[in-house]
C-alpha atoms as a PDB file:
ATOM      1  CA  MET A   1     117.457 133.676  61.873  1.00  0.00           C
ATOM      2  CA  THR A   2     119.021 131.906  64.849  1.00  0.00           C
ATOM      3  CA  THR A   3     118.856 128.130  64.616  1.00  0.00           C
ATOM      4  CA  LEU A   4     118.599 126.497  68.014  1.00  0.00           C
ATOM      5  CA  PRO A   5     120.414 123.230  68.678  1.00  0.00           C
ATOM      6  CA  PRO A   6     118.209 120.208  69.355  1.00  0.00           C
ATOM      7  CA  PRO A   7     117.975 119.220  73.017  1.00  0.00           C
ATOM      8  CA  THR A   8     120.372 116.564  74.284  1.00  0.00           C
ATOM      9  CA  PRO A   9     118.597 113.267  74.966  1.00  0.00           C
ATOM     10  CA  ILE A  10     118.080 112.663  78.666  1.00  0.00           C
ATOM     11  CA  ARG A  11     120.232 109.795  79.865  1.00  0.00           C
ATOM     12  CA  GLU A  12     118.252 106.549  80.055  1.00  0.00           C
ATOM     13  CA  TYR A  13     118.317 103.624  82.475  1.00  0.00           C
ATOM     14  CA  GLU A  14     116.493 100.312  82.644  1.00  0.00           C
ATOM     15  CA  GLY A  15     115.882  97.920  85.502  1.00  0.00           C
ATOM     16  CA  VAL A  16     116.300 100.576  88.181  1.00  0.00           C
ATOM     17  CA  ASP A  17     115.708  99.591  91.809  1.00  0.00           C
ATOM     18  CA  ARG A  18     115.975 101.679  94.984  1.00  0.00           C
ATOM     19  CA  HIS A  19     119.627 100.852  95.588  1.00  0.00           C
ATOM     20  CA  ARG A  20     120.690 101.797  92.073  1.00  0.00           C
ATOM     21  CA  PHE A  21     118.541 104.915  92.166  1.00  0.00           C
ATOM     22  CA  ASP A  22     120.122 106.163  95.390  1.00  0.00           C
ATOM     23  CA  ALA A  23     123.686 105.029  94.692  1.00  0.00           C
ATOM     24  CA  GLU A  24     124.066 105.706  90.969  1.00  0.00           C
ATOM     25  CA  ILE A  25     121.414 108.061  89.613  1.00  0.00           C
ATOM     26  CA  ARG A  26     120.546 110.686  92.236  1.00  0.00           C
ATOM     27  CA  PRO A  27     124.174 111.537  93.099  1.00  0.00           C
ATOM     28  CA  LEU A  28     124.730 112.725  89.506  1.00  0.00           C
ATOM     29  CA  GLY A  29     122.280 115.579  89.979  1.00  0.00           C
ATOM     30  CA  GLN A  30     121.057 115.050  86.413  1.00  0.00           C
ATOM     31  CA  PRO A  31     117.633 114.127  85.032  1.00  0.00           C
ATOM     32  CA  ALA A  32     117.147 110.492  84.112  1.00  0.00           C
ATOM     33  CA  VAL A  33     114.640 108.508  82.076  1.00  0.00           C
ATOM     34  CA  LEU A  34     113.760 105.274  83.859  1.00  0.00           C
ATOM     35  CA  ARG A  35     112.427 103.062  81.074  1.00  0.00           C
ATOM     36  CA  GLY A  36     109.815 100.540  82.107  1.00  0.00           C
ATOM     37  CA  LEU A  37     109.750 101.717  85.723  1.00  0.00           C
ATOM     38  CA  GLY A  38     105.987 101.161  86.018  1.00  0.00           C
ATOM     39  CA  LYS A  39     105.479  98.593  83.273  1.00  0.00           C
ATOM     40  CA  ASP A  40     104.002  96.082  85.720  1.00  0.00           C
ATOM     41  CA  TRP A  41     101.490  98.501  87.224  1.00  0.00           C
ATOM     42  CA  PRO A  42      97.886  97.343  86.734  1.00  0.00           C
ATOM     43  CA  ALA A  43      97.086 100.977  85.883  1.00  0.00           C
ATOM     44  CA  VAL A  44      99.582 100.912  83.009  1.00  0.00           C
ATOM     45  CA  GLN A  45      98.300  97.558  81.795  1.00  0.00           C
ATOM     46  CA  ALA A  46      94.778  98.992  81.704  1.00  0.00           C
ATOM     47  CA  ALA A  47      95.937 102.059  79.768  1.00  0.00           C
ATOM     48  CA  ARG A  48      97.698  99.880  77.221  1.00  0.00           C
ATOM     49  CA  ARG A  49      94.368  98.174  76.497  1.00  0.00           C
ATOM     50  CA  SER A  50      92.554 101.444  75.758  1.00  0.00           C
ATOM     51  CA  PRO A  51      91.859 104.935  77.127  1.00  0.00           C
ATOM     52  CA  GLU A  52      88.442 103.671  78.202  1.00  0.00           C
ATOM     53  CA  ALA A  53      90.060 100.876  80.206  1.00  0.00           C
ATOM     54  CA  ALA A  54      92.399 103.379  81.856  1.00  0.00           C
ATOM     55  CA  CYS A  55      89.463 105.554  82.947  1.00  0.00           C
ATOM     56  CA  GLU A  56      87.486 102.534  84.168  1.00  0.00           C
ATOM     57  CA  TYR A  57      90.489 101.440  86.214  1.00  0.00           C
ATOM     58  CA  LEU A  58      90.743 104.825  87.932  1.00  0.00           C
ATOM     59  CA  LEU A  59      87.029 104.879  88.724  1.00  0.00           C
ATOM     60  CA  SER A  60      87.196 101.361  90.149  1.00  0.00           C
ATOM     61  CA  PHE A  61      88.798 102.845  93.276  1.00  0.00           C
ATOM     62  CA  GLY A  62      85.709 104.907  94.057  1.00  0.00           C
ATOM     63  CA  PRO A  63      86.782 108.569  93.930  1.00  0.00           C
ATOM     64  CA  ARG A  64      86.250 110.163  97.337  1.00  0.00           C
ATOM     65  CA  HIS A  65      85.700 113.788  96.320  1.00  0.00           C
ATOM     66  CA  PRO A  66      85.197 116.124  93.327  1.00  0.00           C
ATOM     67  CA  VAL A  67      88.302 117.292  91.484  1.00  0.00           C
ATOM     68  CA  PRO A  68      89.375 120.802  90.417  1.00  0.00           C
ATOM     69  CA  VAL A  69      89.427 121.094  86.635  1.00  0.00           C
ATOM     70  CA  LEU A  70      91.218 123.487  84.298  1.00  0.00           C
ATOM     71  CA  LEU A  71      89.386 124.258  81.049  1.00  0.00           C
ATOM     72  CA  GLY A  72      91.040 126.044  78.139  1.00  0.00           C
ATOM     73  CA  ALA A  73      89.286 127.151  74.968  1.00  0.00           C
ATOM     74  CA  PRO A  74      90.405 125.578  71.664  1.00  0.00           C
ATOM     75  CA  ASP A  75      92.197 128.759  70.599  1.00  0.00           C
ATOM     76  CA  ILE A  76      94.917 128.345  73.259  1.00  0.00           C
ATOM     77  CA  ALA A  77      95.920 125.075  71.545  1.00  0.00           C
ATOM     78  CA  GLY A  78      96.356 123.330  74.893  1.00  0.00           C
ATOM     79  CA  ARG A  79      98.898 125.808  76.281  1.00  0.00           C
ATOM     80  CA  PHE A  80      97.787 126.680  79.815  1.00  0.00           C
ATOM     81  CA  PHE A  81      99.343 130.087  80.420  1.00  0.00           C
ATOM     82  CA  TYR A  82      98.710 133.759  81.141  1.00  0.00           C
ATOM     83  CA  ASN A  83      96.180 135.694  79.105  1.00  0.00           C
ATOM     84  CA  ALA A  84      97.461 138.156  76.514  1.00  0.00           C
ATOM     85  CA  GLU A  85      97.127 141.137  78.870  1.00  0.00           C
ATOM     86  CA  MET A  86      98.963 139.362  81.732  1.00  0.00           C
ATOM     87  CA  THR A  87      96.030 140.167  84.005  1.00  0.00           C
ATOM     88  CA  GLY A  88      95.029 136.559  84.633  1.00  0.00           C
ATOM     89  CA  MET A  89      95.072 133.146  83.023  1.00  0.00           C
ATOM     90  CA  ASN A  90      93.923 131.917  79.615  1.00  0.00           C
ATOM     91  CA  PHE A  91      91.836 129.153  81.193  1.00  0.00           C
ATOM     92  CA  THR A  92      88.990 128.826  83.654  1.00  0.00           C
ATOM     93  CA  GLU A  93      88.686 126.656  86.745  1.00  0.00           C
ATOM     94  CA  GLY A  94      85.822 124.569  88.041  1.00  0.00           C
ATOM     95  CA  GLN A  95      85.046 121.454  90.015  1.00  0.00           C
ATOM     96  CA  VAL A  96      83.308 118.243  88.948  1.00  0.00           C
ATOM     97  CA  SER A  97      83.287 114.583  89.809  1.00  0.00           C
ATOM     98  CA  LEU A  98      86.162 112.536  88.449  1.00  0.00           C
ATOM     99  CA  ALA A  99      83.637 110.391  86.554  1.00  0.00           C
ATOM    100  CA  ALA A 100      82.232 113.466  84.776  1.00  0.00           C
ATOM    101  CA  PHE A 101      85.710 114.737  83.952  1.00  0.00           C
ATOM    102  CA  LEU A 102      86.799 111.405  82.459  1.00  0.00           C
ATOM    103  CA  GLU A 103      83.580 111.141  80.474  1.00  0.00           C
ATOM    104  CA  ARG A 104      84.225 114.570  78.958  1.00  0.00           C
ATOM    105  CA  LEU A 105      87.873 113.676  78.316  1.00  0.00           C
ATOM    106  CA  LEU A 106      86.916 110.548  76.369  1.00  0.00           C
ATOM    107  CA  HIS A 107      84.159 112.340  74.481  1.00  0.00           C
ATOM    108  CA  ASP A 108      86.316 115.293  73.359  1.00  0.00           C
ATOM    109  CA  ARG A 109      89.256 113.239  72.129  1.00  0.00           C
ATOM    110  CA  VAL A 110      87.644 112.815  68.704  1.00  0.00           C
ATOM    111  CA  LEU A 111      86.845 116.506  68.172  1.00  0.00           C
ATOM    112  CA  ALA A 112      88.811 118.473  65.587  1.00  0.00           C
ATOM    113  CA  GLU A 113      89.307 121.432  67.946  1.00  0.00           C
ATOM    114  CA  PRO A 114      88.837 120.220  71.508  1.00  0.00           C
ATOM    115  CA  PHE A 115      89.023 122.234  74.698  1.00  0.00           C
ATOM    116  CA  GLY A 116      92.088 121.722  76.872  1.00  0.00           C
ATOM    117  CA  LEU A 117      91.202 119.705  79.971  1.00  0.00           C
ATOM    118  CA  ALA A 118      93.331 119.019  83.030  1.00  0.00           C
ATOM    119  CA  VAL A 119      93.106 117.678  86.555  1.00  0.00           C
ATOM    120  CA  GLN A 120      96.389 118.431  88.305  1.00  0.00           C
ATOM    121  CA  SER A 121      98.307 117.292  91.368  1.00  0.00           C
ATOM    122  CA  GLN A 122      95.573 115.312  93.126  1.00  0.00           C
ATOM    123  CA  VAL A 123      96.799 113.333  96.153  1.00  0.00           C
ATOM    124  CA  LEU A 124      96.023 109.734  95.253  1.00  0.00           C
ATOM    125  CA  PRO A 125      95.516 108.240  98.729  1.00  0.00           C
ATOM    126  CA  GLN A 126      92.864 110.917  99.335  1.00  0.00           C
ATOM    127  CA  LEU A 127      91.181 110.731  95.923  1.00  0.00           C
ATOM    128  CA  LEU A 128      91.551 107.034  95.046  1.00  0.00           C
ATOM    129  CA  PRO A 129      92.247 104.970  98.173  1.00  0.00           C
ATOM    130  CA  GLY A 130      94.088 101.771  97.303  1.00  0.00           C
ATOM    131  CA  PHE A 131      95.617 102.987  94.042  1.00  0.00           C
ATOM    132  CA  ALA A 132      99.072 103.533  95.544  1.00  0.00           C
ATOM    133  CA  GLU A 133      99.100 100.082  97.120  1.00  0.00           C
ATOM    134  CA  ALA A 134      98.061  98.443  93.849  1.00  0.00           C
ATOM    135  CA  ASN A 135     100.625 100.433  91.844  1.00  0.00           C
ATOM    136  CA  ARG A 136     103.711 100.601  94.032  1.00  0.00           C
ATOM    137  CA  LEU A 137     106.884 102.548  93.464  1.00  0.00           C
ATOM    138  CA  ASP A 138     109.770 101.483  95.674  1.00  0.00           C
ATOM    139  CA  LEU A 139     112.219 104.244  94.662  1.00  0.00           C
ATOM    140  CA  VAL A 140     110.927 106.597  97.350  1.00  0.00           C
ATOM    141  CA  ASP A 141     109.989 106.194 100.999  1.00  0.00           C
ATOM    142  CA  ALA A 142     106.571 104.730 101.717  1.00  0.00           C
ATOM    143  CA  GLY A 143     105.454 107.945 103.398  1.00  0.00           C
ATOM    144  CA  VAL A 144     105.695 109.945 100.157  1.00  0.00           C
ATOM    145  CA  ALA A 145     102.157 110.326  98.811  1.00  0.00           C
ATOM    146  CA  PRO A 146     101.777 109.995  95.022  1.00  0.00           C
ATOM    147  CA  ARG A 147      99.818 112.545  93.014  1.00  0.00           C
ATOM    148  CA  ILE A 148      98.005 112.138  89.716  1.00  0.00           C
ATOM    149  CA  TRP A 149      97.769 114.437  86.698  1.00  0.00           C
ATOM    150  CA  ILE A 150      95.114 113.663  84.067  1.00  0.00           C
ATOM    151  CA  GLY A 151      94.339 115.580  80.922  1.00  0.00           C
ATOM    152  CA  SER A 152      94.035 116.060  77.220  1.00  0.00           C
ATOM    153  CA  GLN A 153      96.717 117.113  74.743  1.00  0.00           C
ATOM    154  CA  ILE A 154      98.074 120.069  76.704  1.00  0.00           C
ATOM    155  CA  GLN A 155     101.292 121.993  77.292  1.00  0.00           C
ATOM    156  CA  VAL A 156     102.456 122.814  80.819  1.00  0.00           C
ATOM    157  CA  ALA A 157     104.590 125.946  81.037  1.00  0.00           C
ATOM    158  CA  PRO A 158     108.254 125.409  82.012  1.00  0.00           C
ATOM    159  CA  HIS A 159     108.602 125.657  85.785  1.00  0.00           C
ATOM    160  CA  PHE A 160     110.683 124.314  88.649  1.00  0.00           C
ATOM    161  CA  ASP A 161     109.737 122.348  91.756  1.00  0.00           C
ATOM    162  CA  LEU A 162     111.058 122.979  95.253  1.00  0.00           C
ATOM    163  CA  THR A 163     111.562 119.242  95.704  1.00  0.00           C
ATOM    164  CA  GLU A 164     112.986 116.226  93.960  1.00  0.00           C
ATOM    165  CA  ASN A 165     110.528 114.507  91.655  1.00  0.00           C
ATOM    166  CA  VAL A 166     110.078 111.052  90.196  1.00  0.00           C
ATOM    167  CA  GLY A 167     107.077 110.028  88.136  1.00  0.00           C
ATOM    168  CA  VAL A 168     105.576 107.360  85.911  1.00  0.00           C
ATOM    169  CA  VAL A 169     103.494 107.816  82.767  1.00  0.00           C
ATOM    170  CA  MET A 170     100.323 105.845  83.328  1.00  0.00           C
ATOM    171  CA  ALA A 171      98.513 106.606  80.058  1.00  0.00           C
ATOM    172  CA  GLY A 172      99.477 108.308  76.810  1.00  0.00           C
ATOM    173  CA  ARG A 173     102.866 109.809  75.966  1.00  0.00           C
ATOM    174  CA  ARG A 174     104.646 112.826  77.418  1.00  0.00           C
ATOM    175  CA  ARG A 175     107.598 114.895  76.255  1.00  0.00           C
ATOM    176  CA  PHE A 176     109.755 116.414  78.965  1.00  0.00           C
ATOM    177  CA  THR A 177     112.181 119.251  78.216  1.00  0.00           C
ATOM    178  CA  LEU A 178     114.518 120.110  81.097  1.00  0.00           C
ATOM    179  CA  LEU A 179     117.085 122.803  81.817  1.00  0.00           C
ATOM    180  CA  PRO A 180     119.394 123.145  84.840  1.00  0.00           C
ATOM    181  CA  PRO A 181     118.695 125.651  87.622  1.00  0.00           C
ATOM    182  CA  ASP A 182     121.551 127.948  86.597  1.00  0.00           C
ATOM    183  CA  GLN A 183     119.701 128.862  83.386  1.00  0.00           C
ATOM    184  CA  LEU A 184     117.281 131.070  85.336  1.00  0.00           C
ATOM    185  CA  PRO A 185     118.789 134.309  83.909  1.00  0.00           C
ATOM    186  CA  ASN A 186     118.112 133.049  80.371  1.00  0.00           C
ATOM    187  CA  LEU A 187     114.548 131.813  80.905  1.00  0.00           C
ATOM    188  CA  TYR A 188     112.654 135.070  81.495  1.00  0.00           C
ATOM    189  CA  ILE A 189     110.757 134.214  84.663  1.00  0.00           C
ATOM    190  CA  GLY A 190     107.131 135.318  84.859  1.00  0.00           C
ATOM    191  CA  PRO A 191     105.349 137.142  87.686  1.00  0.00           C
ATOM    192  CA  LEU A 192     105.770 135.624  91.133  1.00  0.00           C
ATOM    193  CA  GLU A 193     102.514 137.020  92.519  1.00  0.00           C
ATOM    194  CA  PHE A 194     100.321 134.773  90.369  1.00  0.00           C
ATOM    195  CA  THR A 195     101.281 131.822  88.188  1.00  0.00           C
ATOM    196  CA  PRO A 196      99.459 129.229  86.052  1.00  0.00           C
ATOM    197  CA  ALA A 197     100.149 126.383  88.501  1.00  0.00           C
ATOM    198  CA  GLY A 198     101.466 127.882  91.728  1.00  0.00           C
ATOM    199  CA  THR A 199     105.187 127.886  90.967  1.00  0.00           C
ATOM    200  CA  PRO A 200     107.131 130.424  88.871  1.00  0.00           C
ATOM    201  CA  VAL A 201     107.173 129.743  85.137  1.00  0.00           C
ATOM    202  CA  SER A 202     109.310 130.720  82.172  1.00  0.00           C
ATOM    203  CA  MET A 203     107.652 133.100  79.724  1.00  0.00           C
ATOM    204  CA  VAL A 204     109.323 131.226  76.863  1.00  0.00           C
ATOM    205  CA  ASP A 205     107.343 128.701  74.852  1.00  0.00           C
ATOM    206  CA  PHE A 206     109.938 125.940  74.507  1.00  0.00           C
ATOM    207  CA  ASN A 207     108.143 124.593  71.425  1.00  0.00           C
ATOM    208  CA  LYS A 208     108.007 127.965  69.625  1.00  0.00           C
ATOM    209  CA  PRO A 209     110.564 130.262  71.270  1.00  0.00           C
ATOM    210  CA  ASP A 210     110.313 133.924  70.270  1.00  0.00           C
ATOM    211  CA  LEU A 211     113.998 134.859  70.136  1.00  0.00           C
ATOM    212  CA  GLU A 212     113.296 138.477  69.266  1.00  0.00           C
ATOM    213  CA  ARG A 213     111.453 138.892  72.541  1.00  0.00           C
ATOM    214  CA  PHE A 214     113.561 136.396  74.522  1.00  0.00           C
ATOM    215  CA  PRO A 215     117.022 136.410  72.903  1.00  0.00           C
ATOM    216  CA  LEU A 216     118.858 134.921  75.908  1.00  0.00           C
ATOM    217  CA  TYR A 217     116.902 131.702  75.477  1.00  0.00           C
ATOM    218  CA  ALA A 218     119.308 130.857  72.644  1.00  0.00           C
ATOM    219  CA  GLU A 219     121.953 130.265  75.324  1.00  0.00           C
ATOM    220  CA  ALA A 220     119.559 128.302  77.540  1.00  0.00           C
ATOM    221  CA  ALA A 221     118.658 126.023  74.638  1.00  0.00           C
ATOM    222  CA  LYS A 222     122.260 124.816  74.497  1.00  0.00           C
ATOM    223  CA  HIS A 223     121.720 123.192  77.895  1.00  0.00           C
ATOM    224  CA  ALA A 224     118.306 121.628  77.235  1.00  0.00           C
ATOM    225  CA  GLN A 225     117.667 117.905  77.664  1.00  0.00           C
ATOM    226  CA  SER A 226     114.560 116.150  76.381  1.00  0.00           C
ATOM    227  CA  ALA A 227     112.851 112.783  76.072  1.00  0.00           C
ATOM    228  CA  VAL A 228     109.501 111.271  75.132  1.00  0.00           C
ATOM    229  CA  LEU A 229     108.084 108.810  77.648  1.00  0.00           C
ATOM    230  CA  GLY A 230     105.543 106.119  76.916  1.00  0.00           C
ATOM    231  CA  GLU A 231     103.211 104.216  79.171  1.00  0.00           C
ATOM    232  CA  GLY A 232     105.117 102.667  82.057  1.00  0.00           C
ATOM    233  CA  ASP A 233     108.211 104.834  81.594  1.00  0.00           C
ATOM    234  CA  GLY A 234     109.493 106.934  84.475  1.00  0.00           C
ATOM    235  CA  ILE A 235     111.519 110.105  84.881  1.00  0.00           C
ATOM    236  CA  TYR A 236     113.648 111.585  87.646  1.00  0.00           C
ATOM    237  CA  ILE A 237     113.766 115.393  87.861  1.00  0.00           C
ATOM    238  CA  PRO A 238     116.379 116.727  90.315  1.00  0.00           C
ATOM    239  CA  PHE A 239     115.700 119.611  92.674  1.00  0.00           C
ATOM    240  CA  HIS A 240     114.903 122.949  91.011  1.00  0.00           C
ATOM    241  CA  TRP A 241     115.430 121.772  87.404  1.00  0.00           C
ATOM    242  CA  TRP A 242     113.215 123.634  84.976  1.00  0.00           C
ATOM    243  CA  HIS A 243     110.836 121.357  83.059  1.00  0.00           C
ATOM    244  CA  GLY A 244     108.245 121.924  80.390  1.00  0.00           C
ATOM    245  CA  VAL A 245     105.834 119.059  79.789  1.00  0.00           C
ATOM    246  CA  ASP A 246     103.837 118.286  76.648  1.00  0.00           C
ATOM    247  CA  SER A 247     101.081 115.676  76.738  1.00  0.00           C
ATOM    248  CA  LEU A 248     101.185 114.161  73.271  1.00  0.00           C
ATOM    249  CA  ASP A 249      97.944 112.175  73.313  1.00  0.00           C
ATOM    250  CA  ARG A 250      94.328 113.179  73.821  1.00  0.00           C
ATOM    251  CA  VAL A 251      93.968 111.028  76.964  1.00  0.00           C
ATOM    252  CA  ASN A 252      96.900 110.861  79.345  1.00  0.00           C
ATOM    253  CA  ALA A 253      97.730 110.384  83.004  1.00  0.00           C
ATOM    254  CA  PHE A 254     100.908 110.777  85.021  1.00  0.00           C
ATOM    255  CA  VAL A 255     101.678 109.765  88.610  1.00  0.00           C
ATOM    256  CA  ASN A 256     104.465 111.567  90.449  1.00  0.00           C
ATOM    257  CA  TYR A 257     106.137 111.644  93.853  1.00  0.00           C
ATOM    258  CA  TRP A 258     107.619 114.828  95.340  1.00  0.00           C
ATOM    259  CA  TRP A 259     109.991 114.647  98.275  1.00  0.00           C
ATOM    260  CA  ASN A 260     112.628 116.766  99.956  1.00  0.00           C
ATOM    261  CA  PRO A 261     115.647 115.147 101.657  1.00  0.00           C
ATOM    262  CA  ALA A 262     116.420 118.326 103.612  1.00  0.00           C
ATOM    263  CA  GLN A 263     116.570 118.236 107.381  1.00  0.00           C
ATOM    264  CA  PRO A 264     113.061 118.257 108.909  1.00  0.00           C
ATOM    265  CA  GLY A 265     111.923 121.385 110.706  1.00  0.00           C
ATOM    266  CA  LEU A 266     113.635 123.940 108.476  1.00  0.00           C
ATOM    267  CA  GLY A 267     111.815 127.017 107.261  1.00  0.00           C
ATOM    268  CA  ARG A 268     110.557 127.275 103.691  1.00  0.00           C
ATOM    269  CA  PRO A 269     113.304 128.737 101.456  1.00  0.00           C
ATOM    270  CA  TYR A 270     110.719 130.158  99.054  1.00  0.00           C
ATOM    271  CA  ASP A 271     109.165 132.120 101.931  1.00  0.00           C
ATOM    272  CA  ALA A 272     112.628 133.414 102.794  1.00  0.00           C
ATOM    273  CA  LEU A 273     113.069 134.480  99.163  1.00  0.00           C
ATOM    274  CA  MET A 274     109.872 136.510  99.254  1.00  0.00           C
ATOM    275  CA  HIS A 275     110.915 138.120 102.550  1.00  0.00           C
ATOM    276  CA  ALA A 276     114.345 138.890 101.072  1.00  0.00           C
ATOM    277  CA  MET A 277     112.714 140.704  98.153  1.00  0.00           C
ATOM    278  CA  PHE A 278     110.666 142.723 100.646  1.00  0.00           C
ATOM    279  CA  ALA A 279     113.774 143.613 102.640  1.00  0.00           C
ATOM    280  CA  PHE A 280     116.467 144.104  99.981  1.00  0.00           C
ATOM    281  CA  ARG A 281     115.073 144.947  96.541  1.00  0.00           C
ATOM    282  CA  GLY A 282     114.536 148.611  97.404  1.00  0.00           C
ATOM    283  CA  LEU A 283     117.902 149.193  99.053  1.00  0.00           C
ATOM    284  CA  PRO A 284     120.601 151.320  97.394  1.00  0.00           C
ATOM    285  CA  ALA A 285     122.966 149.293  95.222  1.00  0.00           C
ATOM    286  CA  ASP A 286     125.919 149.678  97.565  1.00  0.00           C
ATOM    287  CA  GLN A 287     123.877 148.303 100.478  1.00  0.00           C
ATOM    288  CA  ARG A 288     122.660 145.344  98.404  1.00  0.00           C
ATOM    289  CA  ASP A 289     126.284 144.525  97.585  1.00  0.00           C
ATOM    290  CA  VAL A 290     127.140 144.449 101.271  1.00  0.00           C
ATOM    291  CA  TRP A 291     124.179 142.248 102.122  1.00  0.00           C
ATOM    292  CA  ARG A 292     125.060 139.870  99.254  1.00  0.00           C
ATOM    293  CA  MET A 293     128.478 139.415 100.866  1.00  0.00           C
ATOM    294  CA  VAL A 294     126.930 138.900 104.315  1.00  0.00           C
ATOM    295  CA  PHE A 295     124.553 136.205 103.032  1.00  0.00           C
ATOM    296  CA  GLU A 296     127.330 134.447 101.146  1.00  0.00           C
ATOM    297  CA  ASN A 297     129.442 134.279 104.278  1.00  0.00           C
ATOM    298  CA  LEU A 298     126.876 133.696 107.022  1.00  0.00           C
ATOM    299  CA  VAL A 299     124.171 131.709 105.204  1.00  0.00           C
ATOM    300  CA  PHE A 300     125.860 129.845 102.365  1.00  0.00           C
ATOM    301  CA  THR A 301     129.219 129.029 103.966  1.00  0.00           C
ATOM    302  CA  ASP A 302     129.250 125.703 105.821  1.00  0.00           C
ATOM    303  CA  ASP A 303     131.109 126.895 108.920  1.00  0.00           C
ATOM    304  CA  PRO A 304     131.367 130.700 108.984  1.00  0.00           C
ATOM    305  CA  VAL A 305     132.586 130.786 112.592  1.00  0.00           C
ATOM    306  CA  SER A 306     135.118 127.962 112.722  1.00  0.00           C
ATOM    307  CA  HIS A 307     137.222 130.212 114.969  1.00  0.00           C
ATOM    308  CA  LEU A 308     134.652 129.928 117.776  1.00  0.00           C
ATOM    309  CA  ALA A 309     134.190 127.127 120.253  1.00  0.00           C
ATOM    310  CA  GLU A 310     131.163 124.945 119.527  1.00  0.00           C
ATOM    311  CA  ASN A 311     129.252 126.227 122.544  1.00  0.00           C
ATOM    312  CA  ALA A 312     129.683 129.809 121.317  1.00  0.00           C
ATOM    313  CA  LYS A 313     128.554 129.406 117.707  1.00  0.00           C
ATOM    314  CA  GLY A 314     124.832 129.767 118.365  1.00  0.00           C
ATOM    315  CA  VAL A 315     122.694 129.989 115.228  1.00  0.00           C
ATOM    316  CA  LEU A 316     125.852 130.137 113.100  1.00  0.00           C
ATOM    317  CA  GLY A 317     126.804 126.624 114.192  1.00  0.00           C
ATOM    318  CA  PRO A 318     125.321 123.234 113.231  1.00  0.00           C
ATOM    319  CA  VAL A 319     121.551 123.235 112.825  1.00  0.00           C
ATOM    320  CA  THR A 320     119.776 121.362 115.620  1.00  0.00           C
ATOM    321  CA  PRO A 321     116.063 120.973 116.485  1.00  0.00           C
ATOM    322  CA  GLU A 322     116.591 123.162 119.548  1.00  0.00           C
ATOM    323  CA  LYS A 323     118.130 125.979 117.499  1.00  0.00           C
ATOM    324  CA  LEU A 324     115.366 125.691 114.919  1.00  0.00           C
ATOM    325  CA  ALA A 325     112.768 126.069 117.652  1.00  0.00           C
ATOM    326  CA  ARG A 326     114.494 129.199 118.989  1.00  0.00           C
ATOM    327  CA  MET A 327     114.812 130.697 115.518  1.00  0.00           C
ATOM    328  CA  ARG A 328     111.161 129.943 114.785  1.00  0.00           C
ATOM    329  CA  ASN A 329     110.064 131.819 117.906  1.00  0.00           C
ATOM    330  CA  THR A 330     112.300 134.753 117.007  1.00  0.00           C
ATOM    331  CA  LEU A 331     110.872 134.885 113.484  1.00  0.00           C
ATOM    332  CA  LYS A 332     107.325 134.878 114.855  1.00  0.00           C
ATOM    333  CA  GLN A 333     108.204 137.935 116.905  1.00  0.00           C
ATOM    334  CA  ILE A 334     109.756 139.603 113.859  1.00  0.00           C
ATOM    335  CA  ALA A 335     106.746 138.787 111.668  1.00  0.00           C
ATOM    336  CA  GLY A 336     104.506 140.546 114.144  1.00  0.00           C
ATOM    337  CA  LYS A 337     106.385 143.791 113.461  1.00  0.00           C
ATOM    338  CA  LEU A 338     105.971 143.734 109.668  1.00  0.00           C
END
């Protein structure tokens, strides 16, 4: 039997402000635990009093709309994932008021075999106006809208985000297990057409990896980093890092901020990936090899036409708003021919 090494602890920092975050932490391109980042939040103070106080605090902002809810039967043990046949999910979806959801969450926490409950990725300024102002995070620009994740003791499948991510545990404890982007070949990605939460996931259960079915995960595990965060602790997840998240308590909440420092106006790389699969996956191997070389030289090289004068480089030169507008119009014409 293969024995996997324990994950490396994620590097920890305390007393992080915006300057230190931008100058010292983000440039490393590594995940970071930011201890005590939200310790002064009124939301965290309420959660430290009791789960009931945490729920009362959220409701004090007057929820503006119902929330989508994920509901998983007790037999999935809180792991929101595909069903056994890979024809759908192992949970159902509905919509209720936030008050009703929180009431059910508090009620079920004492059951021996509770259902898995989750409200995911709700934009806080839209759901709970005033929450973001009362619980500020100065590590990101003011225009970045926070989102909230509330649930029971559940397991979120390992996935990656197409942004950078920083978040604060408001209530309960969470364990984060992260792996770098280059471990994709060892993580057995699931279907792209439908996923448990909208982004591609790993088929591997990080808590109980089946190495007979997923033997390459043994190599991925050598690169894993992990940490348990308590109330008020924060975490920074760099762009495209895989992360599996375990909520360790029966009532928990997490607030996160997604942002992308890329130049505004660019197309969506994930859309380009899907188009590339449409265009290249069915080509003969020798043609795919040629196109791989073309992309490496013309897309992923900083200045592929340094031999040309600036006015002659066109779309192969520096990206400008004017060039983006021209390319967007060209792509619209191309899309009409698909």
